[in-house]
Amino acid sequence: MKFRNLLFSFIAMFIISMVSNLYFNLKINNLSEQLSSLKTELVELEVDKSNTHLMYIESFSTSNMELLSKSMNYRRLDIHNKNINLVKPYKLEVEDKPIVVLGFGGR
């Protein structure tokens, strides 16, 4: 009788492990399908983003400013007053020290 109970418990554990393995494999497959659909959606969104950025660059580039100004009925103003004798607005007290510019490589 003891052998029969031991055999029954082994068979029950084998069946339970098979069923749980199948259940977890189904869950993993479902999650991998969702992940692959999210990846394809992400790729599509990145393509849309790059296309939108390209359209923005094409429409608002500096080479296209003339066409934009003509389409909005703007015209270029001529500059007649030219000031050749420009003076520095500020003067360094000590001109031996180099000028330090913050934010460019820590120099």
Protein backbone atom coordinates (compact mmCIF):
# COMPACT_ATOMS: atom_id res chain seq x y z
CA MET A 1 0.00 0.00 0.00
CA LYS A 2 2.83 2.33 0.79
CA PHE A 3 4.41 1.76 -2.62
CA ARG A 4 1.09 2.49 -4.29
CA ASN A 5 0.74 5.85 -2.45
CA LEU A 6 4.31 6.76 -3.34
CA LEU A 7 3.70 5.89 -7.00
CA PHE A 8 0.44 7.87 -7.00
CA SER A 9 2.18 10.92 -5.49
CA PHE A 10 4.95 10.73 -8.14
CA ILE A 11 2.40 10.51 -10.95
CA ALA A 12 0.39 13.40 -9.46
CA MET A 13 3.49 15.59 -9.13
CA PHE A 14 4.50 14.71 -12.71
CA ILE A 15 1.06 15.68 -14.06
CA ILE A 16 0.96 18.86 -11.97
CA SER A 17 4.45 19.85 -13.18
CA MET A 18 3.43 19.21 -16.83
CA VAL A 19 0.25 21.26 -16.49
CA SER A 20 2.05 24.12 -14.73
CA ASN A 21 4.80 24.01 -17.36
CA LEU A 22 2.21 24.24 -20.15
CA TYR A 23 0.41 27.08 -18.36
CA PHE A 24 3.60 29.10 -17.90
CA ASN A 25 4.65 28.46 -21.51
CA LEU A 26 1.28 29.78 -22.69
CA LYS A 27 1.70 32.89 -20.53
CA ILE A 28 5.24 33.42 -21.83
CA ASN A 29 4.07 33.07 -25.45
CA ASN A 30 1.25 35.54 -24.84
CA LEU A 31 3.66 38.07 -23.31
CA SER A 32 6.17 37.61 -26.13
CA GLU A 33 3.44 38.28 -28.71
CA GLN A 34 2.47 41.46 -26.87
CA LEU A 35 6.13 42.47 -26.69
CA SER A 36 6.65 41.91 -30.42
CA SER A 37 3.54 43.97 -31.24
CA LEU A 38 4.83 46.76 -29.00
CA LYS A 39 8.21 46.62 -30.74
CA THR A 40 6.62 46.93 -34.18
CA GLU A 41 4.47 49.81 -32.96
CA LEU A 42 7.57 51.49 -31.54
CA VAL A 43 9.38 51.14 -34.88
CA GLU A 44 6.39 52.64 -36.67
CA LEU A 45 6.32 55.57 -34.24
CA GLU A 46 10.06 56.15 -34.71
CA VAL A 47 9.58 56.21 -38.49
CA ASP A 48 6.73 58.72 -38.09
CA LYS A 49 8.90 60.84 -35.80
CA SER A 50 11.79 60.87 -38.26
CA ASN A 51 9.43 61.72 -41.15
CA THR A 52 7.91 64.57 -39.14
CA HIS A 53 11.35 65.88 -38.21
CA LEU A 54 12.44 65.68 -41.85
CA MET A 55 9.36 67.59 -42.98
CA TYR A 56 10.04 70.21 -40.30
CA ILE A 57 13.65 70.60 -41.42
CA GLU A 58 12.62 70.84 -45.07
CA SER A 59 9.96 73.45 -44.43
CA PHE A 60 11.80 75.61 -41.88
CA SER A 61 15.40 75.43 -43.06
CA THR A 62 17.51 78.52 -43.61
CA SER A 63 17.68 77.81 -47.32
CA ASN A 64 13.90 77.79 -47.44
CA MET A 65 13.43 81.10 -45.55
CA GLU A 66 13.17 83.10 -48.76
CA LEU A 67 10.28 80.95 -49.99
CA LEU A 68 8.56 81.12 -46.60
CA SER A 69 8.85 84.89 -46.50
CA LYS A 70 7.44 85.19 -50.02
CA SER A 71 4.53 82.90 -49.17
CA MET A 72 3.69 85.08 -46.14
CA ASN A 73 4.02 88.29 -48.21
CA TYR A 74 7.11 89.51 -46.38
CA ARG A 75 9.87 91.32 -48.18
CA ARG A 76 13.51 91.90 -47.38
CA LEU A 77 14.34 95.35 -46.08
CA ASP A 78 17.38 97.10 -47.42
CA ILE A 79 19.89 98.37 -44.87
CA HIS A 80 21.19 101.82 -45.67
CA ASN A 81 22.79 102.88 -42.36
CA LYS A 82 26.10 101.18 -41.80
CA ASN A 83 28.11 102.04 -38.72
CA ILE A 84 31.74 101.26 -39.44
CA ASN A 85 33.23 102.76 -36.24
CA LEU A 86 31.94 100.22 -33.75
CA VAL A 87 33.24 100.35 -30.18
CA LYS A 88 33.39 97.46 -27.73
CA PRO A 89 30.63 97.89 -25.15
CA TYR A 90 32.81 96.48 -22.36
CA LYS A 91 36.51 96.49 -21.70
CA LEU A 92 38.45 93.99 -19.62
CA GLU A 93 40.33 95.42 -16.66
CA VAL A 94 43.20 92.99 -17.12
CA GLU A 95 43.76 92.00 -20.71
CA ASP A 96 46.47 89.47 -19.86
CA LYS A 97 43.97 86.84 -18.71
CA PRO A 98 42.21 84.81 -21.38
CA ILE A 99 38.45 85.06 -21.58
CA VAL A 100 36.71 82.08 -19.99
CA VAL A 101 33.62 80.80 -21.76
CA LEU A 102 31.41 78.64 -19.57
CA GLY A 103 29.81 75.49 -20.92
CA PHE A 104 32.15 74.51 -23.72
CA GLY A 105 34.29 71.56 -22.64
CA GLY A 106 35.12 72.92 -19.18
CA ARG A 107 37.94 75.14 -20.40
